[in-house]
């Protein structure tokens, strides 16, 4: 899931799209390097209550 839609980046511009199949062109901004991927996922999970998942390795 793209985290930009869940509050890690801010939507700064929304306008009509000139590409087929897309209604809008969206532009997002946010500070780069503000957090690591693990920190971003933790922030996202706290805000949106990410479900815990498990994977089977077959070992």
PDB file of N, CA and C in Angstrom:
ATOM      1  N   UNK A   1       0.846  -1.170   0.000  1.00  0.00           N
ATOM      2  CA  UNK A   1       0.000   0.000   0.000  1.00  0.00           C
ATOM      3  C   UNK A   1       0.892   1.233   0.000  1.00  0.00           C
ATOM      4  N   UNK A   2       0.536   2.182  -0.797  1.00  0.00           N
ATOM      5  CA  UNK A   2       1.305   3.406  -0.874  1.00  0.00           C
ATOM      6  C   UNK A   2       1.055   4.266   0.362  1.00  0.00           C
ATOM      7  N   UNK A   3       2.123   4.606   1.063  1.00  0.00           N
ATOM      8  CA  UNK A   3       1.968   5.374   2.294  1.00  0.00           C
ATOM      9  C   UNK A   3       1.692   6.846   2.039  1.00  0.00           C
ATOM     10  N   UNK A   4       1.935   7.331   0.826  1.00  0.00           N
ATOM     11  CA  UNK A   4       1.664   8.741   0.576  1.00  0.00           C
ATOM     12  C   UNK A   4       0.188   9.066   0.741  1.00  0.00           C
ATOM     13  N   UNK A   5      -0.668   8.061   0.525  1.00  0.00           N
ATOM     14  CA  UNK A   5      -2.092   8.289   0.688  1.00  0.00           C
ATOM     15  C   UNK A   5      -2.522   8.194   2.138  1.00  0.00           C
ATOM     16  N   UNK A   6      -1.637   7.836   3.017  1.00  0.00           N
ATOM     17  CA  UNK A   6      -1.995   7.603   4.414  1.00  0.00           C
ATOM     18  C   UNK A   6      -1.299   8.542   5.378  1.00  0.00           C
ATOM     19  N   UNK A   7      -0.940   9.724   4.933  1.00  0.00           N
ATOM     20  CA  UNK A   7      -0.494  10.745   5.861  1.00  0.00           C
ATOM     21  C   UNK A   7       0.987  10.937   6.024  1.00  0.00           C
ATOM     22  N   UNK A   8       1.838  10.207   5.306  1.00  0.00           N
ATOM     23  CA  UNK A   8       3.267  10.441   5.434  1.00  0.00           C
ATOM     24  C   UNK A   8       3.734  11.573   4.525  1.00  0.00           C
ATOM     25  N   UNK A   9       3.010  11.826   3.452  1.00  0.00           N
ATOM     26  CA  UNK A   9       3.277  12.962   2.576  1.00  0.00           C
ATOM     27  C   UNK A   9       2.011  13.799   2.477  1.00  0.00           C
ATOM     28  N   UNK A  10       2.188  15.080   2.140  1.00  0.00           N
ATOM     29  CA  UNK A  10       1.042  15.991   2.028  1.00  0.00           C
ATOM     30  C   UNK A  10       0.653  16.175   0.559  1.00  0.00           C
ATOM     31  N   UNK A  11      -0.629  16.129   0.275  1.00  0.00           N
ATOM     32  CA  UNK A  11      -1.131  16.436  -1.060  1.00  0.00           C
ATOM     33  C   UNK A  11      -1.060  17.940  -1.237  1.00  0.00           C
ATOM     34  N   UNK A  12      -0.304  18.406  -2.233  1.00  0.00           N
ATOM     35  CA  UNK A  12      -0.133  19.844  -2.430  1.00  0.00           C
ATOM     36  C   UNK A  12      -0.859  20.368  -3.657  1.00  0.00           C
ATOM     37  N   UNK A  13      -1.159  19.478  -4.610  1.00  0.00           N
ATOM     38  CA  UNK A  13      -1.834  19.930  -5.826  1.00  0.00           C
ATOM     39  C   UNK A  13      -2.639  18.790  -6.424  1.00  0.00           C
ATOM     40  N   UNK A  14      -3.843  19.112  -6.850  1.00  0.00           N
ATOM     41  CA  UNK A  14      -4.693  18.144  -7.541  1.00  0.00           C
ATOM     42  C   UNK A  14      -5.306  18.836  -8.744  1.00  0.00           C
ATOM     43  N   UNK A  15      -5.042  18.300  -9.909  1.00  0.00           N
ATOM     44  CA  UNK A  15      -5.567  18.905 -11.124  1.00  0.00           C
ATOM     45  C   UNK A  15      -5.957  17.837 -12.124  1.00  0.00           C
ATOM     46  N   UNK A  16      -6.540  18.240 -13.225  1.00  0.00           N
ATOM     47  CA  UNK A  16      -6.955  17.268 -14.233  1.00  0.00           C
ATOM     48  C   UNK A  16      -5.734  16.579 -14.844  1.00  0.00           C
ATOM     49  N   UNK A  17      -5.900  15.307 -15.159  1.00  0.00           N
ATOM     50  CA  UNK A  17      -4.810  14.532 -15.739  1.00  0.00           C
ATOM     51  C   UNK A  17      -4.882  14.595 -17.254  1.00  0.00           C
ATOM     52  N   UNK A  18      -3.708  14.569 -17.884  1.00  0.00           N
ATOM     53  CA  UNK A  18      -3.666  14.513 -19.342  1.00  0.00           C
ATOM     54  C   UNK A  18      -3.321  13.095 -19.825  1.00  0.00           C
ATOM     55  N   UNK A  19      -3.355  12.131 -18.901  1.00  0.00           N
ATOM     56  CA  UNK A  19      -3.073  10.740 -19.237  1.00  0.00           C
ATOM     57  C   UNK A  19      -4.376   9.949 -19.305  1.00  0.00           C
ATOM     58  N   UNK A  20      -4.461   9.056 -20.290  1.00  0.00           N
ATOM     59  CA  UNK A  20      -5.643   8.204 -20.418  1.00  0.00           C
ATOM     60  C   UNK A  20      -5.789   7.314 -19.186  1.00  0.00           C
ATOM     61  N   UNK A  21      -7.003   7.165 -18.716  1.00  0.00           N
ATOM     62  CA  UNK A  21      -7.282   6.280 -17.597  1.00  0.00           C
ATOM     63  C   UNK A  21      -7.160   6.922 -16.228  1.00  0.00           C
ATOM     64  N   UNK A  22      -6.688   8.150 -16.162  1.00  0.00           N
ATOM     65  CA  UNK A  22      -6.545   8.838 -14.877  1.00  0.00           C
ATOM     66  C   UNK A  22      -7.356  10.125 -14.907  1.00  0.00           C
ATOM     67  N   UNK A  23      -8.152  10.335 -13.886  1.00  0.00           N
ATOM     68  CA  UNK A  23      -8.993  11.524 -13.827  1.00  0.00           C
ATOM     69  C   UNK A  23      -8.221  12.740 -13.311  1.00  0.00           C
ATOM     70  N   UNK A  24      -7.343  12.497 -12.325  1.00  0.00           N
ATOM     71  CA  UNK A  24      -6.605  13.593 -11.702  1.00  0.00           C
ATOM     72  C   UNK A  24      -5.108  13.331 -11.720  1.00  0.00           C
ATOM     73  N   UNK A  25      -4.347  14.402 -11.685  1.00  0.00           N
ATOM     74  CA  UNK A  25      -2.904  14.331 -11.469  1.00  0.00           C
ATOM     75  C   UNK A  25      -2.660  14.893 -10.068  1.00  0.00           C
ATOM     76  N   UNK A  26      -2.046  14.086  -9.208  1.00  0.00           N
ATOM     77  CA  UNK A  26      -1.829  14.476  -7.825  1.00  0.00           C
ATOM     78  C   UNK A  26      -0.341  14.710  -7.580  1.00  0.00           C
ATOM     79  N   UNK A  27      -0.030  15.751  -6.817  1.00  0.00           N
ATOM     80  CA  UNK A  27       1.352  16.028  -6.448  1.00  0.00           C
ATOM     81  C   UNK A  27       1.454  16.045  -4.926  1.00  0.00           C
ATOM     82  N   UNK A  28       2.444  15.337  -4.411  1.00  0.00           N
ATOM     83  CA  UNK A  28       2.661  15.228  -2.974  1.00  0.00           C
ATOM     84  C   UNK A  28       4.011  15.823  -2.612  1.00  0.00           C
ATOM     85  N   UNK A  29       4.124  16.307  -1.376  1.00  0.00           N
ATOM     86  CA  UNK A  29       5.392  16.800  -0.859  1.00  0.00           C
ATOM     87  C   UNK A  29       5.600  16.276   0.541  1.00  0.00           C
ATOM     88  N   UNK A  30       6.836  16.124   0.897  1.00  0.00           N
ATOM     89  CA  UNK A  30       7.199  15.716   2.241  1.00  0.00           C
ATOM     90  C   UNK A  30       8.707  15.781   2.381  1.00  0.00           C
ATOM     91  N   UNK A  31       9.158  15.827   3.592  1.00  0.00           N
ATOM     92  CA  UNK A  31      10.586  15.895   3.859  1.00  0.00           C
ATOM     93  C   UNK A  31      11.222  14.545   3.575  1.00  0.00           C
ATOM     94  N   UNK A  32      12.219  14.537   2.726  1.00  0.00           N
ATOM     95  CA  UNK A  32      12.940  13.307   2.424  1.00  0.00           C
ATOM     96  C   UNK A  32      14.011  13.088   3.490  1.00  0.00           C
ATOM     97  N   UNK A  33      14.207  11.841   3.863  1.00  0.00           N
ATOM     98  CA  UNK A  33      15.218  11.522   4.862  1.00  0.00           C
ATOM     99  C   UNK A  33      14.780  11.804   6.285  1.00  0.00           C
ATOM    100  N   UNK A  34      13.508  12.117   6.469  1.00  0.00           N
ATOM    101  CA  UNK A  34      12.990  12.427   7.802  1.00  0.00           C
ATOM    102  C   UNK A  34      12.972  11.190   8.692  1.00  0.00           C
ATOM    103  N   UNK A  35      12.774  10.028   8.075  1.00  0.00           N
ATOM    104  CA  UNK A  35      12.708   8.788   8.831  1.00  0.00           C
ATOM    105  C   UNK A  35      13.142   7.626   7.940  1.00  0.00           C
ATOM    106  N   UNK A  36      13.535   6.542   8.592  1.00  0.00           N
ATOM    107  CA  UNK A  36      13.889   5.332   7.858  1.00  0.00           C
ATOM    108  C   UNK A  36      12.595   4.628   7.428  1.00  0.00           C
ATOM    109  N   UNK A  37      12.713   3.623   6.593  1.00  0.00           N
ATOM    110  CA  UNK A  37      11.540   2.877   6.166  1.00  0.00           C
ATOM    111  C   UNK A  37      10.854   2.219   7.358  1.00  0.00           C
ATOM    112  N   UNK A  38      11.636   1.672   8.288  1.00  0.00           N
ATOM    113  CA  UNK A  38      11.051   1.056   9.489  1.00  0.00           C
ATOM    114  C   UNK A  38      10.286   2.084  10.328  1.00  0.00           C
ATOM    115  N   UNK A  39      10.866   3.275  10.479  1.00  0.00           N
ATOM    116  CA  UNK A  39      10.195   4.327  11.247  1.00  0.00           C
ATOM    117  C   UNK A  39       8.919   4.793  10.548  1.00  0.00           C
ATOM    118  N   UNK A  40       8.959   4.876   9.219  1.00  0.00           N
ATOM    119  CA  UNK A  40       7.774   5.281   8.463  1.00  0.00           C
ATOM    120  C   UNK A  40       6.667   4.246   8.608  1.00  0.00           C
ATOM    121  N   UNK A  41       7.032   2.978   8.534  1.00  0.00           N
ATOM    122  CA  UNK A  41       6.032   1.919   8.690  1.00  0.00           C
ATOM    123  C   UNK A  41       5.442   1.930  10.095  1.00  0.00           C
ATOM    124  N   UNK A  42       6.286   2.170  11.096  1.00  0.00           N
ATOM    125  CA  UNK A  42       5.801   2.248  12.474  1.00  0.00           C
ATOM    126  C   UNK A  42       4.833   3.423  12.645  1.00  0.00           C
ATOM    127  N   UNK A  43       5.174   4.572  12.066  1.00  0.00           N
ATOM    128  CA  UNK A  43       4.304   5.747  12.141  1.00  0.00           C
ATOM    129  C   UNK A  43       2.968   5.468  11.450  1.00  0.00           C
ATOM    130  N   UNK A  44       3.038   4.849  10.282  1.00  0.00           N
ATOM    131  CA  UNK A  44       1.835   4.496   9.540  1.00  0.00           C
ATOM    132  C   UNK A  44       0.969   3.518  10.331  1.00  0.00           C
ATOM    133  N   UNK A  45       1.609   2.499  10.918  1.00  0.00           N
ATOM    134  CA  UNK A  45       0.887   1.470  11.673  1.00  0.00           C
ATOM    135  C   UNK A  45       0.205   2.065  12.905  1.00  0.00           C
ATOM    136  N   UNK A  46       0.872   2.997  13.584  1.00  0.00           N
ATOM    137  CA  UNK A  46       0.255   3.642  14.753  1.00  0.00           C
ATOM    138  C   UNK A  46      -0.985   4.426  14.355  1.00  0.00           C
ATOM    139  N   UNK A  47      -0.906   5.102  13.226  1.00  0.00           N
ATOM    140  CA  UNK A  47      -2.022   5.939  12.807  1.00  0.00           C
ATOM    141  C   UNK A  47      -3.168   5.124  12.219  1.00  0.00           C
ATOM    142  N   UNK A  48      -2.855   4.112  11.441  1.00  0.00           N
ATOM    143  CA  UNK A  48      -3.874   3.398  10.693  1.00  0.00           C
ATOM    144  C   UNK A  48      -4.122   1.983  11.187  1.00  0.00           C
ATOM    145  N   UNK A  49      -3.436   1.548  12.236  1.00  0.00           N
ATOM    146  CA  UNK A  49      -3.687   0.238  12.816  1.00  0.00           C
ATOM    147  C   UNK A  49      -3.415  -0.902  11.859  1.00  0.00           C
ATOM    148  N   UNK A  50      -2.217  -0.924  11.304  1.00  0.00           N
ATOM    149  CA  UNK A  50      -1.861  -1.969  10.343  1.00  0.00           C
ATOM    150  C   UNK A  50      -2.029  -3.341  10.965  1.00  0.00           C
ATOM    151  N   UNK A  51      -2.574  -4.245  10.199  1.00  0.00           N
ATOM    152  CA  UNK A  51      -2.753  -5.608  10.660  1.00  0.00           C
ATOM    153  C   UNK A  51      -1.425  -6.331  10.685  1.00  0.00           C
ATOM    154  N   UNK A  52      -1.240  -7.180  11.677  1.00  0.00           N
ATOM    155  CA  UNK A  52      -0.045  -8.006  11.742  1.00  0.00           C
ATOM    156  C   UNK A  52      -0.183  -9.122  10.722  1.00  0.00           C
ATOM    157  N   UNK A  53       0.883  -9.385  10.020  1.00  0.00           N
ATOM    158  CA  UNK A  53       0.858 -10.461   9.030  1.00  0.00           C
ATOM    159  C   UNK A  53       1.989 -11.437   9.341  1.00  0.00           C
ATOM    160  N   UNK A  54       1.774 -12.664   8.973  1.00  0.00           N
ATOM    161  CA  UNK A  54       2.822 -13.662   9.128  1.00  0.00           C
ATOM    162  C   UNK A  54       3.057 -14.317   7.782  1.00  0.00           C
ATOM    163  N   UNK A  55       4.257 -14.756   7.578  1.00  0.00           N
ATOM    164  CA  UNK A  55       4.571 -15.460   6.333  1.00  0.00           C
ATOM    165  C   UNK A  55       5.132 -16.812   6.681  1.00  0.00           C
ATOM    166  N   UNK A  56       4.900 -17.746   5.817  1.00  0.00           N
ATOM    167  CA  UNK A  56       5.433 -19.085   5.994  1.00  0.00           C
ATOM    168  C   UNK A  56       6.661 -19.227   5.115  1.00  0.00           C
ATOM    169  N   UNK A  57       7.745 -19.662   5.706  1.00  0.00           N
ATOM    170  CA  UNK A  57       8.970 -19.813   4.938  1.00  0.00           C
ATOM    171  C   UNK A  57       9.139 -21.217   4.409  1.00  0.00           C
ATOM    172  N   UNK A  58       8.368 -22.163   4.909  1.00  0.00           N
ATOM    173  CA  UNK A  58       8.462 -23.525   4.450  1.00  0.00           C
ATOM    174  C   UNK A  58       9.604 -24.287   5.081  1.00  0.00           C
ATOM    175  N   UNK A  59      10.179 -23.693   6.135  1.00  0.00           N
ATOM    176  CA  UNK A  59      11.299 -24.356   6.834  1.00  0.00           C
ATOM    177  C   UNK A  59      10.772 -25.255   7.905  1.00  0.00           C
TER     178      UNK A  59
END
